[in-house]
Amino acid sequence: MKIRRTHRSVLTAGLAALTLVLPATGLQTRAQAAARPAVQPAAQRLPLGDANLPETRTTTQVAPGVTWTRIKRGRPDARDHWTVEVALLKDESAARSLADRLDDAGFDPAVSRVDERPQDLPSNQPWGWRVRVGELADQEAAARLVKDLRAAGFKPTHTYFTGEDGTGRTGPWVVDVLRVSAAQRQRVQVRQAQDRVPGGETLADMVKHMGGIAGINGSYGSDEEDGTFGDVAGLSVVGGKLVSEAVQGTSALVLPSDRRASPSVQQLSTNLRLRSADGAQRELDGLNRSPGKIRNCGGTGGDLPTERPRHDVLCTDDSEVIQYTDFFYGPTHAGDGVAVVIDKNGKVLEVRDRRGGTFPSGTTLLAGTGDGADWLRAHARKGQVVNVTATVLDRGGRLLTDTAGRAMDVASGGPQLLRNGRVDIPADAEGFNYPDDPGFFDYFATHRHPRSLAGVTDDDSLLFVAVDGRRPGYSSGLTFRESAAVMRSLGAVNALNLDGGGSTTMVVGGRLINRPSDSTGPRLMENALIIH
């Protein structure tokens, strides 16, 4: 990986003396980029399924330098069917034993070996052994079989359409691609739903009220059950202001506002600190979320059950300090602990003996629980100054800075798919593998789902891709590896996975142009990438 030199600078982000140091490593000036030849990808066929599958492409000019291409590839396979997965087990003997019990109960099980594993966990050993039941005509029949299995004492995990297994050779696939040229890439911004936390909007509403011409859904998020609805579960920077802390070490798309700096995909972390005027210091655990609830884990300071990223898991910590910034709207989370209101210079204006309530415009609020509350009581007394600093770090632990000290946007996702033109999918490091459950990686990564993808080409153009899925006969979705291959074929040299599944949504010209997979329609989302 090339280390590209830039000038460092410091950005002031938000209030309460919060200093946000943003992207340096991996950024490249336009003059440097001009020194290498621009690569315009040929319209090669998508590397999906059999080589001779039918494929059509339709391209629409959305705005100068912005195109939308719809790619349809493949056809349904009459051999595909619905089936029920009962388990994926690490041990073959355990899988065979389960199959015997299913057979004794009158079911007809099939056991198969699973070899695909996280790319960053290489081994010659099989990943596990899959036990399935049924070859069914439709999803309703699969749902009835699930009920029968449960009544017999089994615990089935998923129903599958075999065209979504990741091994089907015909698809079909529907792929929507937004390409923004290097000259127009500053039209792309990360925007928070309703410009605040909490809250959510459909992508179509976000594009409309923000005056956009197109957009794609953004980062993973939280809901009221496992955090704060509208809070991004990972790093979010909007206009140079830090809105949400990182799930440490996971991938993000960095969009500098400076035309001389290149967009990039990097694995980033945040370092948040409190420093009292009396010299005492401690970590700041997070921003704009409920204390003690860390969606997707990857935090610091004793989070349980792990401080490593763990996708779709809620980690907890009973001793935290959370900062509510000017992006937070309405009452903060109430409960035991301490709440401290500070002005833009860090001066403590008010100390409350319980968490909760609002805070005046031009201030922020620090909420403490457990020993975090004890620290605030001791070191954030009324009239004292408490400085809040935040730094964003690349995977080498280096500060990231902008070349001209201007604001930039960052949207997190994960895992990374391409690095310098090569398939590089650190699914284990980025939390998409549960050590005690091989089935999670198998389901999330190696089966086909709707996917939203973002990438950067060699000439600094941006690619945003929405792939429909979970719609048998229309579009099968992609695996992680297929996603990487598609992005590379479209010209990306660096790429990452965004939130997908039912969240995969793309809007062009005010119109929803893909088919979200939820039966209830488009989801409300926390943030999005909007093209103005």
Protein backbone atom coordinates (compact mmCIF):
# COMPACT_ATOMS: atom_id res chain seq x y z
CA MET A 1 0.00 0.00 0.00
CA LYS A 2 1.34 3.40 -0.96
CA ILE A 3 1.66 6.02 1.76
CA ARG A 4 0.71 9.33 0.22
CA ARG A 5 2.03 12.51 1.81
CA THR A 6 -0.33 15.31 2.77
CA HIS A 7 -0.14 18.36 5.00
CA ARG A 8 -1.68 17.82 8.41
CA SER A 9 -4.26 20.13 9.87
CA VAL A 10 -6.79 20.15 12.66
CA LEU A 11 -10.51 20.60 12.20
CA THR A 12 -12.82 21.91 14.87
CA ALA A 13 -15.77 19.57 15.00
CA GLY A 14 -18.83 20.49 16.97
CA LEU A 15 -18.85 22.08 20.36
CA ALA A 16 -17.25 21.64 23.74
CA ALA A 17 -13.68 22.05 22.53
CA LEU A 18 -14.07 18.83 20.55
CA THR A 19 -11.12 18.68 18.17
CA LEU A 20 -11.58 16.26 15.30
CA VAL A 21 -8.44 15.28 13.40
CA LEU A 22 -9.45 13.82 10.06
CA PRO A 23 -8.07 11.91 7.13
CA ALA A 24 -4.37 11.89 6.21
CA THR A 25 -2.97 8.50 5.31
CA GLY A 26 -4.29 7.20 2.01
CA LEU A 27 -5.26 10.65 0.72
CA GLN A 28 -3.65 11.83 -2.46
CA THR A 29 -3.51 15.26 -4.07
CA ARG A 30 -4.96 15.83 -7.54
CA ALA A 31 -1.48 16.72 -8.82
CA GLN A 32 -0.19 13.36 -7.63
CA ALA A 33 -3.15 11.58 -9.21
CA ALA A 34 -2.45 13.31 -12.53
CA ALA A 35 0.98 11.69 -12.59
CA ARG A 36 -0.55 8.27 -13.26
CA PRO A 37 -2.73 7.29 -16.22
CA ALA A 38 -6.48 7.34 -15.71
CA VAL A 39 -8.03 3.91 -16.18
CA GLN A 40 -11.48 3.81 -17.74
CA PRO A 41 -12.97 0.33 -17.23
CA ALA A 42 -14.31 -1.45 -20.26
CA ALA A 43 -17.94 -2.53 -20.19
CA GLN A 44 -16.98 -6.10 -19.47
CA ARG A 45 -19.65 -8.60 -18.51
CA LEU A 46 -20.28 -9.14 -14.84
CA PRO A 47 -18.32 -12.08 -13.38
CA LEU A 48 -21.45 -13.80 -12.11
CA GLY A 49 -22.52 -17.35 -12.90
CA ASP A 50 -21.90 -19.08 -16.20
CA ALA A 51 -19.96 -17.15 -18.82
CA ASN A 52 -22.63 -17.40 -21.52
CA LEU A 53 -25.53 -15.92 -19.53
CA PRO A 54 -27.57 -13.16 -21.19
CA GLU A 55 -26.74 -9.65 -19.99
CA THR A 56 -28.15 -6.23 -20.86
CA ARG A 57 -27.06 -2.74 -19.82
CA THR A 58 -28.96 0.53 -19.97
CA THR A 59 -27.19 3.78 -19.08
CA THR A 60 -28.89 7.08 -18.23
CA GLN A 61 -27.15 10.45 -17.85
CA VAL A 62 -28.43 11.79 -14.52
CA ALA A 63 -26.32 14.98 -14.47
CA PRO A 64 -22.94 16.10 -15.84
CA GLY A 65 -20.47 13.46 -14.71
CA VAL A 66 -23.17 11.31 -13.07
CA THR A 67 -24.56 8.19 -14.78
CA TRP A 68 -26.94 5.44 -13.75
CA THR A 69 -26.49 2.03 -15.36
CA ARG A 70 -28.88 -0.87 -14.89
CA ILE A 71 -27.41 -4.29 -15.56
CA LYS A 72 -29.60 -7.38 -15.88
CA ARG A 73 -27.86 -10.71 -16.06
CA GLY A 74 -28.85 -14.36 -16.05
CA ARG A 75 -32.09 -16.28 -15.87
CA PRO A 76 -34.01 -18.42 -13.36
CA ASP A 77 -33.00 -22.06 -12.95
CA ALA A 78 -35.87 -24.54 -12.75
CA ARG A 79 -33.77 -26.75 -10.48
CA ASP A 80 -33.69 -24.18 -7.67
CA HIS A 81 -36.04 -24.79 -4.75
CA TRP A 82 -36.74 -23.85 -1.15
CA THR A 83 -35.14 -25.74 1.72
CA VAL A 84 -34.74 -25.46 5.49
CA GLU A 85 -31.37 -25.33 7.20
CA VAL A 86 -31.46 -26.99 10.58
CA ALA A 87 -27.85 -26.30 11.57
CA LEU A 88 -24.31 -25.66 10.45
CA LEU A 89 -21.95 -27.41 12.87
CA LYS A 90 -18.17 -27.39 13.18
CA ASP A 91 -17.97 -31.12 13.86
CA GLU A 92 -18.94 -33.69 11.22
CA SER A 93 -19.93 -36.32 13.76
CA ALA A 94 -22.32 -33.87 15.43
CA ALA A 95 -23.86 -33.08 12.04
CA ARG A 96 -24.29 -36.79 11.24
CA SER A 97 -25.86 -37.37 14.64
CA LEU A 98 -28.33 -34.55 14.05
CA ALA A 99 -29.17 -36.01 10.64
CA ASP A 100 -29.84 -39.40 12.24
CA ARG A 101 -32.27 -37.84 14.71
CA LEU A 102 -34.03 -35.99 11.88
CA ASP A 103 -34.30 -39.22 9.92
CA ASP A 104 -35.74 -41.02 12.96
CA ALA A 105 -38.34 -38.25 13.28
CA GLY A 106 -39.53 -38.82 9.72
CA PHE A 107 -37.65 -36.05 7.92
CA ASP A 108 -35.25 -36.54 5.00
CA PRO A 109 -32.01 -34.72 5.89
CA ALA A 110 -28.99 -33.97 3.72
CA VAL A 111 -25.49 -33.32 5.09
CA SER A 112 -22.92 -31.35 3.10
CA ARG A 113 -19.44 -30.01 3.75
CA VAL A 114 -18.87 -26.24 3.83
CA ASP A 115 -15.40 -25.01 2.87
CA GLU A 116 -15.61 -21.24 2.43
CA ARG A 117 -14.25 -19.39 5.45
CA PRO A 118 -13.21 -15.80 6.24
CA GLN A 119 -10.32 -14.79 3.99
CA ASP A 120 -8.37 -13.59 7.03
CA LEU A 121 -8.72 -17.00 8.75
CA PRO A 122 -6.89 -19.24 6.25
CA SER A 123 -6.92 -23.00 6.86
CA ASN A 124 -7.20 -26.29 5.00
CA GLN A 125 -9.87 -27.52 7.38
CA PRO A 126 -13.57 -27.43 6.45
CA TRP A 127 -15.54 -24.52 7.88
CA GLY A 128 -18.36 -26.82 8.97
CA TRP A 129 -21.08 -29.29 8.06
CA ARG A 130 -24.52 -28.22 6.90
CA VAL A 131 -27.70 -30.13 7.71
CA ARG A 132 -30.77 -29.34 5.60
CA VAL A 133 -34.24 -30.75 5.07
CA GLY A 134 -36.65 -30.45 2.14
CA GLU A 135 -36.89 -29.60 -1.56
CA LEU A 136 -39.94 -27.35 -1.61
CA ALA A 137 -41.81 -25.41 -4.27
CA ASP A 138 -42.34 -22.16 -2.43
CA GLN A 139 -41.57 -20.15 0.71
CA GLU A 140 -44.93 -20.97 2.30
CA ALA A 141 -44.16 -24.68 2.16
CA ALA A 142 -40.75 -24.00 3.72
CA ALA A 143 -42.46 -22.05 6.53
CA ARG A 144 -44.78 -24.99 7.20
CA LEU A 145 -41.79 -27.34 7.36
CA VAL A 146 -40.15 -25.02 9.90
CA LYS A 147 -43.24 -25.36 12.13
CA ASP A 148 -43.15 -29.15 11.79
CA LEU A 149 -39.46 -29.25 12.70
CA ARG A 150 -40.01 -27.08 15.76
CA ALA A 151 -42.95 -29.23 16.85
CA ALA A 152 -40.62 -32.23 16.67
CA GLY A 153 -38.10 -30.51 18.95
CA PHE A 154 -35.60 -29.24 16.38
CA LYS A 155 -34.37 -25.66 16.03
CA PRO A 156 -34.10 -24.73 12.34
CA THR A 157 -32.07 -21.59 11.63
CA HIS A 158 -33.07 -20.37 8.15
CA THR A 159 -35.19 -21.04 5.11
CA TYR A 160 -33.27 -20.73 1.85
CA PHE A 161 -33.97 -20.49 -1.84
CA THR A 162 -31.09 -22.47 -3.31
CA GLY A 163 -30.48 -19.85 -5.99
CA GLU A 164 -29.22 -17.68 -3.14
CA ASP A 165 -26.72 -20.26 -1.89
CA GLY A 166 -23.79 -18.60 -3.60
CA THR A 167 -23.24 -21.65 -5.81
CA GLY A 168 -26.09 -21.21 -8.32
CA ARG A 169 -24.82 -20.59 -11.85
CA THR A 170 -27.67 -18.71 -13.53
CA GLY A 171 -28.93 -15.95 -11.19
CA PRO A 172 -30.70 -13.83 -12.27
CA TRP A 173 -29.21 -10.55 -11.04
CA VAL A 174 -30.31 -6.92 -11.22
CA VAL A 175 -27.47 -4.47 -10.51
CA ASP A 176 -27.88 -0.67 -10.39
CA VAL A 177 -24.69 1.40 -10.66
CA LEU A 178 -24.26 5.11 -9.97
CA ARG A 179 -20.95 6.41 -11.28
CA VAL A 180 -19.76 9.89 -10.27
CA SER A 181 -16.75 11.16 -12.23
CA ALA A 182 -13.69 12.47 -10.41
CA ALA A 183 -14.54 15.98 -11.59
CA GLN A 184 -18.00 15.76 -9.99
CA ARG A 185 -17.30 13.64 -6.91
CA GLN A 186 -17.72 16.57 -4.53
CA ARG A 187 -21.40 16.40 -5.35
CA VAL A 188 -21.45 13.36 -3.00
CA GLN A 189 -22.09 13.96 0.70
CA VAL A 190 -22.80 11.83 3.75
CA ARG A 191 -26.04 13.07 5.28
CA GLN A 192 -27.74 12.19 8.55
CA ALA A 193 -31.44 11.36 8.41
CA GLN A 194 -33.42 14.47 9.40
CA ASP A 195 -30.01 16.10 10.05
CA ARG A 196 -30.14 14.79 13.60
CA VAL A 197 -30.11 11.89 16.05
CA PRO A 198 -32.49 10.25 16.92
CA GLY A 199 -34.58 9.82 13.81
CA GLY A 200 -34.82 8.08 10.48
CA GLU A 201 -36.08 8.60 6.96
CA THR A 202 -36.58 6.63 3.81
CA LEU A 203 -33.90 7.28 1.24
CA ALA A 204 -36.42 8.88 -1.12
CA ASP A 205 -37.43 11.39 1.57
CA MET A 206 -33.77 12.11 2.39
CA VAL A 207 -32.89 12.78 -1.24
CA LYS A 208 -35.94 15.01 -1.64
CA HIS A 209 -35.56 17.17 1.44
CA MET A 210 -31.80 17.50 0.96
CA GLY A 211 -32.19 18.61 -2.66
CA GLY A 212 -30.34 15.62 -4.10
CA ILE A 213 -30.51 14.09 -7.55
CA ALA A 214 -29.68 10.54 -6.45
CA GLY A 215 -28.57 8.52 -3.44
CA ILE A 216 -27.86 5.15 -1.87
CA ASN A 217 -28.34 3.94 1.68
CA GLY A 218 -25.34 4.24 3.98
CA SER A 219 -24.08 2.77 7.25
CA TYR A 220 -25.32 0.10 9.61
CA GLY A 221 -27.53 1.48 12.36
CA SER A 222 -29.19 0.93 15.72
CA ASP A 223 -32.78 0.81 16.92
CA GLU A 224 -34.54 1.53 20.20
CA GLU A 225 -34.12 -2.05 21.44
CA ASP A 226 -30.35 -2.10 21.11
CA GLY A 227 -29.32 1.52 21.33
CA THR A 228 -30.61 4.74 19.82
CA PHE A 229 -32.69 4.78 16.65
CA GLY A 230 -30.89 6.97 14.14
CA ASP A 231 -27.45 6.35 15.65
CA VAL A 232 -24.99 4.91 13.15
CA ALA A 233 -23.41 1.68 14.38
CA GLY A 234 -19.94 2.82 13.44
CA LEU A 235 -18.00 5.87 12.35
CA SER A 236 -19.94 8.81 10.90
CA VAL A 237 -18.53 12.22 10.03
CA VAL A 238 -20.83 14.79 8.41
CA GLY A 239 -19.36 18.05 7.16
CA GLY A 240 -16.30 17.60 9.37
CA LYS A 241 -18.36 16.94 12.50
CA LEU A 242 -18.09 13.63 14.27
CA VAL A 243 -21.59 12.21 14.75
CA SER A 244 -20.81 8.64 15.84
CA GLU A 245 -17.69 6.85 17.07
CA ALA A 246 -16.09 4.00 15.14
CA VAL A 247 -16.57 0.30 15.54
CA GLN A 248 -12.82 0.08 15.96
CA GLY A 249 -10.90 -1.04 12.90
CA THR A 250 -13.82 -1.42 10.52
CA SER A 251 -14.01 -0.02 7.00
CA ALA A 252 -15.28 3.37 5.94
CA LEU A 253 -15.53 5.53 2.82
CA VAL A 254 -13.67 8.83 3.23
CA LEU A 255 -14.82 11.77 1.09
CA PRO A 256 -12.55 14.84 1.37
CA SER A 257 -14.01 18.22 0.44
CA ASP A 258 -10.64 19.35 -0.91
CA ARG A 259 -10.44 18.70 -4.67
CA ARG A 260 -6.73 17.95 -4.33
CA ALA A 261 -7.35 14.98 -2.03
CA SER A 262 -8.51 11.57 -3.19
CA PRO A 263 -11.46 9.63 -1.76
CA SER A 264 -10.47 6.38 -0.10
CA VAL A 265 -11.63 3.23 1.65
CA GLN A 266 -9.86 2.67 4.96
CA GLN A 267 -10.17 0.73 8.19
CA LEU A 268 -10.52 3.43 10.83
CA SER A 269 -10.75 3.88 14.59
CA THR A 270 -11.57 6.77 16.89
CA ASN A 271 -9.76 7.92 20.02
CA LEU A 272 -12.04 10.05 22.21
CA ARG A 273 -10.67 11.68 25.39
CA LEU A 274 -11.79 13.90 28.27
CA ARG A 275 -9.32 16.14 30.07
CA SER A 276 -10.27 18.22 33.08
CA ALA A 277 -8.53 21.47 33.97
CA ASP A 278 -7.30 19.73 37.12
CA GLY A 279 -5.26 17.37 34.93
CA ALA A 280 -7.45 14.27 35.24
CA GLN A 281 -8.14 12.32 32.03
CA ARG A 282 -10.34 9.45 30.94
CA GLU A 283 -11.76 8.05 27.75
CA LEU A 284 -14.98 9.29 26.22
CA ASP A 285 -16.85 6.14 25.27
CA GLY A 286 -19.15 7.37 22.55
CA LEU A 287 -21.35 10.01 20.97
CA ASN A 288 -25.08 10.58 20.62
CA ARG A 289 -26.23 7.19 21.92
CA SER A 290 -27.63 5.52 24.99
CA PRO A 291 -24.89 4.89 27.58
CA GLY A 292 -24.03 1.24 27.99
CA LYS A 293 -25.34 0.02 24.62
CA ILE A 294 -22.71 -0.49 21.92
CA ARG A 295 -24.25 -1.79 18.71
CA ASN A 296 -21.85 -4.01 16.73
CA CYS A 297 -19.39 -3.82 19.66
CA GLY A 298 -15.84 -2.73 18.77
CA GLY A 299 -15.57 -0.23 21.61
CA THR A 300 -13.06 0.31 24.41
CA GLY A 301 -12.97 0.29 28.19
CA GLY A 302 -14.32 -3.06 29.30
CA ASP A 303 -17.24 -3.65 26.93
CA LEU A 304 -18.88 -7.06 27.24
CA PRO A 305 -18.81 -9.70 25.87
CA THR A 306 -16.01 -8.32 23.67
CA GLU A 307 -14.17 -5.19 22.58
CA ARG A 308 -13.68 -6.68 19.13
CA PRO A 309 -16.15 -5.84 16.36
CA ARG A 310 -19.09 -8.27 16.40
CA HIS A 311 -21.70 -7.53 13.77
CA ASP A 312 -25.36 -7.51 14.82
CA VAL A 313 -24.41 -7.99 18.49
CA LEU A 314 -25.18 -5.55 21.29
CA CYS A 315 -22.27 -5.14 23.69
CA THR A 316 -22.75 -3.49 27.08
CA ASP A 317 -20.72 -1.40 29.51
CA ASP A 318 -22.11 -0.15 32.83
CA SER A 319 -19.41 2.53 33.22
CA GLU A 320 -19.39 5.02 30.37
CA VAL A 321 -19.28 8.70 29.51
CA ILE A 322 -21.26 9.65 26.40
CA GLN A 323 -21.30 13.06 24.74
CA TYR A 324 -24.46 14.44 23.15
CA THR A 325 -23.46 16.97 20.48
CA ASP A 326 -25.39 19.50 18.43
CA PHE A 327 -26.52 16.63 16.18
CA PHE A 328 -28.67 15.26 19.02
CA TYR A 329 -32.24 16.50 19.21
CA GLY A 330 -34.69 16.23 22.12
CA PRO A 331 -34.36 14.72 25.60
CA THR A 332 -31.25 12.67 26.30
CA HIS A 333 -31.47 9.18 27.76
CA ALA A 334 -32.69 9.29 31.36
CA GLY A 335 -31.44 7.14 34.23
CA ASP A 336 -29.02 6.84 37.11
CA GLY A 337 -25.73 8.66 36.85
CA VAL A 338 -24.65 12.22 36.18
CA ALA A 339 -25.31 14.75 33.39
CA VAL A 340 -22.96 17.69 32.82
CA VAL A 341 -23.70 20.58 30.46
CA ILE A 342 -20.64 22.34 29.00
CA ASP A 343 -20.27 25.32 26.65
CA LYS A 344 -18.26 25.51 23.44
CA ASN A 345 -15.09 26.23 25.43
CA GLY A 346 -15.60 23.24 27.73
CA LYS A 347 -16.72 25.26 30.76
CA VAL A 348 -19.13 23.35 32.99
CA LEU A 349 -22.42 25.26 33.19
CA GLU A 350 -24.59 22.73 35.01
CA VAL A 351 -24.26 19.42 36.88
CA ARG A 352 -27.32 17.17 37.25
CA ASP A 353 -27.54 14.30 39.71
CA ARG A 354 -29.39 12.12 37.19
CA ARG A 355 -29.03 11.57 33.48
CA GLY A 356 -31.63 12.95 31.12
CA GLY A 357 -33.18 16.17 29.94
CA THR A 358 -32.27 18.53 27.13
CA PHE A 359 -29.37 20.96 26.78
CA PRO A 360 -29.31 24.51 25.39
CA SER A 361 -28.24 25.37 21.87
CA GLY A 362 -24.53 26.14 21.75
CA THR A 363 -23.70 23.56 24.44
CA THR A 364 -23.19 19.81 24.67
CA LEU A 365 -23.99 17.32 27.41
CA LEU A 366 -21.80 14.63 29.00
CA ALA A 367 -23.72 11.70 30.52
CA GLY A 368 -21.92 9.35 32.90
CA THR A 369 -22.75 5.96 34.38
CA GLY A 370 -20.83 3.85 36.93
CA ASP A 371 -17.24 5.00 37.31
CA GLY A 372 -17.84 7.40 34.43
CA ALA A 373 -20.34 9.22 36.61
CA ASP A 374 -17.83 9.17 39.49
CA TRP A 375 -15.22 10.79 37.24
CA LEU A 376 -17.59 13.56 36.20
CA ARG A 377 -18.56 14.25 39.83
CA ALA A 378 -14.90 14.58 40.77
CA HIS A 379 -13.52 16.42 37.74
CA ALA A 380 -16.40 18.24 36.04
CA ARG A 381 -17.69 20.50 38.78
CA LYS A 382 -19.55 23.66 37.88
CA GLY A 383 -17.15 26.31 36.61
CA GLN A 384 -14.37 23.84 35.74
CA VAL A 385 -13.22 23.30 32.14
CA VAL A 386 -13.37 19.86 30.54
CA ASN A 387 -11.87 19.55 27.08
CA VAL A 388 -13.14 16.89 24.70
CA THR A 389 -10.84 15.74 21.89
CA ALA A 390 -11.48 13.22 19.15
CA THR A 391 -9.00 11.80 16.68
CA VAL A 392 -9.62 9.48 13.78
CA LEU A 393 -6.84 6.95 13.16
CA ASP A 394 -6.00 4.76 10.21
CA ARG A 395 -5.21 1.08 10.67
CA GLY A 396 -1.54 1.94 11.28
CA GLY A 397 -2.53 4.15 14.21
CA ARG A 398 -1.66 7.35 12.33
CA LEU A 399 -3.76 10.49 12.53
CA LEU A 400 -5.86 11.28 9.51
CA THR A 401 -5.87 14.87 8.28
CA ASP A 402 -7.24 16.77 5.35
CA THR A 403 -4.80 18.50 2.99
CA ALA A 404 -6.37 21.94 3.49
CA GLY A 405 -8.03 21.63 6.88
CA ARG A 406 -11.45 21.53 5.29
CA ALA A 407 -14.44 19.47 6.32
CA MET A 408 -14.91 15.97 5.00
CA ASP A 409 -17.47 13.19 5.24
CA VAL A 410 -16.98 9.60 6.38
CA ALA A 411 -19.52 6.77 6.06
CA SER A 412 -18.71 3.46 7.74
CA GLY A 413 -19.65 0.01 6.52
CA GLY A 414 -17.82 -3.26 6.32
CA PRO A 415 -16.20 -5.41 5.49
CA GLN A 416 -13.72 -4.05 3.00
CA LEU A 417 -13.94 -5.87 -0.35
CA LEU A 418 -11.04 -4.55 -2.45
CA ARG A 419 -7.68 -3.09 -1.50
CA ASN A 420 -5.45 -1.69 -4.26
CA GLY A 421 -7.29 -3.73 -6.88
CA ARG A 422 -7.11 -7.05 -5.05
CA VAL A 423 -9.88 -8.94 -3.30
CA ASP A 424 -9.25 -8.35 0.41
CA ILE A 425 -12.18 -9.23 2.70
CA PRO A 426 -11.15 -9.20 6.40
CA ALA A 427 -14.51 -10.55 7.54
CA ASP A 428 -13.21 -11.95 10.82
CA ALA A 429 -11.34 -8.78 11.83
CA GLU A 430 -14.36 -6.63 10.99
CA GLY A 431 -16.78 -8.71 13.06
CA PHE A 432 -18.61 -10.87 10.54
CA ASN A 433 -17.58 -14.12 12.17
CA TYR A 434 -18.77 -15.40 15.53
CA PRO A 435 -16.11 -17.70 17.05
CA ASP A 436 -18.77 -19.95 18.57
CA ASP A 437 -21.16 -19.99 15.59
CA PRO A 438 -19.89 -20.86 12.09
CA GLY A 439 -23.41 -20.35 10.78
CA PHE A 440 -23.30 -16.56 11.11
CA PHE A 441 -20.44 -16.07 8.65
CA ASP A 442 -21.89 -18.70 6.36
CA TYR A 443 -25.28 -16.95 6.27
CA PHE A 444 -24.09 -13.34 6.15
CA ALA A 445 -21.08 -13.65 3.86
CA THR A 446 -21.35 -16.72 1.64
CA HIS A 447 -25.07 -16.60 0.87
CA ARG A 448 -26.56 -14.13 -1.55
CA HIS A 449 -28.35 -11.13 -0.12
CA PRO A 450 -29.26 -7.64 -1.31
CA ARG A 451 -26.04 -5.61 -1.17
CA SER A 452 -25.15 -1.93 -1.20
CA LEU A 453 -21.55 -1.26 -2.21
CA ALA A 454 -19.25 1.72 -2.57
CA GLY A 455 -15.93 1.99 -4.36
CA VAL A 456 -13.21 4.28 -5.68
CA THR A 457 -11.72 3.84 -9.15
CA ASP A 458 -8.13 4.41 -10.19
CA ASP A 459 -9.02 7.86 -11.55
CA ASP A 460 -10.85 8.85 -8.29
CA SER A 461 -14.36 8.39 -9.67
CA LEU A 462 -16.90 7.02 -7.20
CA LEU A 463 -19.07 3.94 -7.69
CA PHE A 464 -22.27 3.22 -5.74
CA VAL A 465 -23.92 -0.11 -6.45
CA ALA A 466 -27.26 -1.56 -5.30
CA VAL A 467 -27.92 -5.25 -5.98
CA ASP A 468 -31.41 -6.55 -5.37
CA GLY A 469 -31.84 -9.90 -3.67
CA ARG A 470 -34.21 -12.23 -1.80
CA ARG A 471 -36.49 -12.04 -4.83
CA PRO A 472 -36.43 -15.47 -6.51
CA GLY A 473 -36.83 -15.22 -10.27
CA TYR A 474 -35.96 -11.51 -10.28
CA SER A 475 -32.61 -11.02 -8.54
CA SER A 476 -30.54 -13.37 -6.38
CA GLY A 477 -28.26 -10.94 -4.54
CA LEU A 478 -24.52 -11.38 -3.98
CA THR A 479 -22.07 -12.98 -1.57
CA PHE A 480 -19.14 -10.98 -0.21
CA ARG A 481 -16.77 -12.50 -2.77
CA GLU A 482 -19.20 -11.88 -5.62
CA SER A 483 -19.57 -8.29 -4.42
CA ALA A 484 -15.81 -7.82 -4.60
CA ALA A 485 -15.66 -9.34 -8.08
CA VAL A 486 -18.49 -7.11 -9.33
CA MET A 487 -16.86 -3.96 -7.96
CA ARG A 488 -13.55 -4.85 -9.56
CA SER A 489 -15.22 -5.55 -12.91
CA LEU A 490 -16.89 -2.11 -12.74
CA GLY A 491 -13.51 -0.44 -12.28
CA ALA A 492 -13.13 -0.07 -8.51
CA VAL A 493 -9.68 -0.52 -7.01
CA ASN A 494 -10.85 -0.01 -3.42
CA ALA A 495 -14.34 -0.94 -2.22
CA LEU A 496 -16.44 -1.78 0.81
CA ASN A 497 -19.77 -3.25 1.74
CA LEU A 498 -22.40 -0.86 3.12
CA ASP A 499 -25.54 -1.80 5.02
CA GLY A 500 -27.55 -4.21 2.91
CA GLY A 501 -30.39 -6.68 3.13
CA GLY A 502 -33.69 -4.86 3.53
CA SER A 503 -31.78 -1.57 3.73
CA THR A 504 -30.45 -1.78 0.15
CA THR A 505 -32.09 1.20 -1.56
CA MET A 506 -31.21 3.45 -4.49
CA VAL A 507 -33.00 6.60 -5.63
CA VAL A 508 -32.42 8.38 -8.94
CA GLY A 509 -34.26 11.51 -10.06
CA GLY A 510 -36.61 11.38 -7.09
CA ARG A 511 -37.66 7.81 -7.85
CA LEU A 512 -36.93 4.57 -6.02
CA ILE A 513 -35.34 2.53 -8.78
CA ASN A 514 -34.60 -0.81 -7.07
CA ARG A 515 -36.83 -3.32 -5.27
CA PRO A 516 -36.09 -3.38 -1.51
CA SER A 517 -36.54 -6.88 -0.11
CA ASP A 518 -38.75 -6.13 2.91
CA SER A 519 -42.43 -6.89 2.35
CA THR A 520 -43.22 -3.66 4.21
CA GLY A 521 -41.33 -1.54 1.69
CA PRO A 522 -38.31 0.76 2.06
CA ARG A 523 -36.81 0.98 5.53
CA LEU A 524 -36.09 4.07 7.54
CA MET A 525 -32.35 4.59 7.63
CA GLU A 526 -29.83 6.48 9.74
CA ASN A 527 -27.68 8.05 7.05
CA ALA A 528 -27.12 7.93 3.32
CA LEU A 529 -24.76 8.97 0.55
CA ILE A 530 -26.52 11.75 -1.34
CA ILE A 531 -25.52 13.11 -4.77
CA HIS A 532 -26.45 16.79 -5.14
